Amino acid sequence: MKRFEFSLERLLRVKRQQERLAELEQRRAQDAAEQARARLDSFRDQLSGISDRYAAAIGRIMTPMQWASASDMTERLGNSIRLSEQEVAQAEQKLLSAAQERAQFATEVEAICTLRQQQWTAWRQEAQKADQNQMDEVGLRLWQKAQNDTPVEAVA
């Protein structure tokens, strides 16, 4: 009996490679989302620090320059926070998309592997059946030869 050959082996290799690439892309997207969250947290911490400093200065006299500087700084941080929130949303969307793509490739690989396993099992059963038929044939020939070689007087 010929050896087992799976007709979709090349496709399986390609899909596995695509799955690995999708996994790498998902990791990159995860890293980008974490970096975007870290930048957002940093901006929020800066704004909180400024807020705490100026809350502590309540009741003290501030020069117009200090007031303008504080106002300008909080406005820039507010804009940075809004932009950073958008970046986080985009990064999380890319992460979700990458995860879905990876899941799709993983599903395809699993389906092809299952098909391969089913075909291998069927091939193995056929091979075992062919081996058994061959052994039965050899056994029958040996039995027939033994019957032909046995003298007639010994049988009666």
Protein backbone atom coordinates (compact mmCIF):
# COMPACT_ATOMS: atom_id res chain seq x y z
CA MET A 1 0.00 0.00 0.00
CA LYS A 2 1.30 3.46 -0.86
CA ARG A 3 2.18 5.93 1.87
CA PHE A 4 -0.30 8.48 3.17
CA GLU A 5 -0.47 11.74 1.25
CA PHE A 6 -2.68 14.63 2.24
CA SER A 7 -3.67 16.66 -0.82
CA LEU A 8 -4.08 19.88 1.20
CA GLU A 9 -0.67 19.72 2.92
CA ARG A 10 0.64 22.81 1.11
CA LEU A 11 -2.50 24.75 1.98
CA LEU A 12 -2.12 23.67 5.61
CA ARG A 13 1.48 24.94 5.69
CA VAL A 14 0.42 28.27 4.18
CA LYS A 15 -2.46 28.66 6.65
CA ARG A 16 -0.19 27.85 9.58
CA GLN A 17 2.27 30.49 8.38
CA GLN A 18 -0.57 32.99 8.04
CA GLU A 19 -1.70 32.11 11.56
CA ARG A 20 1.81 32.75 12.91
CA LEU A 21 1.96 36.10 11.09
CA ALA A 22 -1.48 37.03 12.42
CA GLU A 23 -0.28 36.14 15.92
CA LEU A 24 2.71 38.46 15.51
CA GLU A 25 0.46 41.21 14.22
CA GLN A 26 -1.82 40.72 17.21
CA ARG A 27 1.16 41.06 19.55
CA ARG A 28 2.22 44.27 17.79
CA ALA A 29 -1.31 45.62 18.07
CA GLN A 30 -1.38 44.66 21.77
CA ASP A 31 1.90 46.49 22.34
CA ALA A 32 0.64 49.56 20.47
CA ALA A 33 -2.58 49.58 22.52
CA GLU A 34 -0.61 49.30 25.77
CA GLN A 35 1.69 52.14 24.72
CA ALA A 36 -1.29 54.33 23.80
CA ARG A 37 -2.90 53.58 27.18
CA ALA A 38 0.37 54.41 28.94
CA ARG A 39 0.61 57.78 27.12
CA LEU A 40 -3.01 58.53 28.05
CA ASP A 41 -2.33 57.64 31.69
CA SER A 42 0.77 59.83 31.64
CA PHE A 43 -1.19 62.82 30.35
CA ARG A 44 -3.91 62.24 32.93
CA ASP A 45 -1.29 62.00 35.69
CA GLN A 46 0.27 65.27 34.53
CA LEU A 47 -3.13 66.98 34.52
CA SER A 48 -3.88 65.58 37.97
CA GLY A 49 -0.51 66.89 39.23
CA ILE A 50 -1.19 70.35 37.87
CA SER A 51 -4.67 70.28 39.36
CA ASP A 52 -3.30 69.27 42.75
CA ARG A 53 -0.68 72.04 42.67
CA TYR A 54 -3.20 74.70 41.83
CA ALA A 55 -5.75 73.36 44.28
CA ALA A 56 -3.11 73.72 46.97
CA ALA A 57 -2.51 77.31 45.82
CA ILE A 58 -6.12 78.36 46.37
CA GLY A 59 -6.25 81.49 48.44
CA ARG A 60 -2.80 82.58 47.35
CA ILE A 61 -2.24 85.35 44.91
CA MET A 62 -1.24 84.27 41.39
CA THR A 63 0.32 86.60 38.88
CA PRO A 64 -1.38 86.89 35.51
CA MET A 65 1.62 85.12 33.99
CA GLN A 66 1.22 82.14 36.35
CA TRP A 67 -2.50 82.01 35.64
CA ALA A 68 -1.96 82.17 31.86
CA SER A 69 0.75 79.51 32.08
CA ALA A 70 -1.46 77.18 34.09
CA SER A 71 -4.40 77.74 31.78
CA ASP A 72 -2.26 77.12 28.70
CA MET A 73 -0.73 73.97 30.20
CA THR A 74 -4.10 72.49 31.17
CA GLU A 75 -5.54 73.29 27.73
CA ARG A 76 -2.60 71.56 26.00
CA LEU A 77 -2.92 68.57 28.30
CA GLY A 78 -6.68 68.45 27.66
CA ASN A 79 -6.06 68.40 23.90
CA SER A 80 -3.35 65.77 24.34
CA ILE A 81 -5.73 63.65 26.42
CA ARG A 82 -8.46 63.87 23.76
CA LEU A 83 -6.00 62.90 21.01
CA SER A 84 -4.59 60.13 23.17
CA GLU A 85 -8.09 58.78 23.85
CA GLN A 86 -8.66 58.62 20.09
CA GLU A 87 -5.33 56.83 19.64
CA VAL A 88 -6.29 54.33 22.34
CA ALA A 89 -9.64 53.69 20.61
CA GLN A 90 -7.90 53.20 17.25
CA ALA A 91 -5.26 50.92 18.78
CA GLU A 92 -7.92 48.83 20.51
CA GLN A 93 -9.86 48.57 17.24
CA LYS A 94 -6.71 47.37 15.46
CA LEU A 95 -6.15 44.88 18.28
CA LEU A 96 -9.69 43.58 17.94
CA SER A 97 -9.31 43.29 14.19
CA ALA A 98 -5.97 41.46 14.56
CA ALA A 99 -7.47 39.08 17.12
CA GLN A 100 -10.38 38.31 14.79
CA GLU A 101 -8.02 37.69 11.89
CA ARG A 102 -5.89 35.38 14.00
CA ALA A 103 -8.98 33.52 15.19
CA GLN A 104 -10.09 33.09 11.58
CA PHE A 105 -6.75 31.59 10.56
CA ALA A 106 -6.71 29.38 13.65
CA THR A 107 -10.18 28.09 12.75
CA GLU A 108 -9.08 27.36 9.19
CA VAL A 109 -5.94 25.56 10.39
CA GLU A 110 -7.99 23.52 12.87
CA ALA A 111 -10.50 22.56 10.17
CA ILE A 112 -7.76 21.44 7.77
CA CYS A 113 -5.99 19.52 10.55
CA THR A 114 -9.23 17.77 11.44
CA LEU A 115 -9.76 16.83 7.78
CA ARG A 116 -6.17 15.58 7.61
CA GLN A 117 -6.67 13.46 10.73
CA GLN A 118 -9.88 11.99 9.33
CA GLN A 119 -8.20 11.13 6.04
CA TRP A 120 -5.21 9.63 7.84
CA THR A 121 -7.50 7.51 10.01
CA ALA A 122 -9.38 6.27 6.93
CA TRP A 123 -6.07 5.52 5.16
CA ARG A 124 -4.77 3.65 8.20
CA GLN A 125 -7.94 1.55 8.41
CA GLU A 126 -7.65 0.72 4.71
CA ALA A 127 -4.00 -0.23 5.16
CA GLN A 128 -4.85 -2.48 8.12
CA LYS A 129 -7.65 -4.09 6.12
CA ALA A 130 -5.29 -4.68 3.16
CA ASP A 131 -2.66 -6.16 5.50
CA GLN A 132 -5.28 -8.43 7.07
CA ASN A 133 -6.52 -9.55 3.64
CA GLN A 134 -2.95 -10.31 2.60
CA MET A 135 -2.33 -12.30 5.79
CA ASP A 136 -5.61 -14.19 5.30
CA GLU A 137 -4.62 -15.03 1.73
CA VAL A 138 -1.20 -16.28 2.83
CA GLY A 139 -2.81 -18.33 5.59
CA LEU A 140 -5.35 -19.83 3.16
CA ARG A 141 -2.61 -20.74 0.66
CA LEU A 142 -0.56 -22.42 3.39
CA TRP A 143 -3.62 -24.33 4.58
CA GLN A 144 -4.49 -25.42 1.02
CA LYS A 145 -0.90 -26.51 0.41
CA ALA A 146 -0.93 -28.48 3.65
CA GLN A 147 -4.20 -30.10 2.59
CA ASN A 148 -2.76 -31.02 -0.82
CA ASP A 149 0.43 -32.39 0.71
CA THR A 150 -1.43 -34.60 3.21
CA PRO A 151 -1.75 -38.27 2.04
CA VAL A 152 -5.30 -39.47 1.49
CA GLU A 153 -4.85 -42.50 3.80
CA ALA A 154 -3.91 -40.22 6.70
CA VAL A 155 -7.15 -38.30 6.31
CA ALA A 156 -9.40 -41.41 6.36
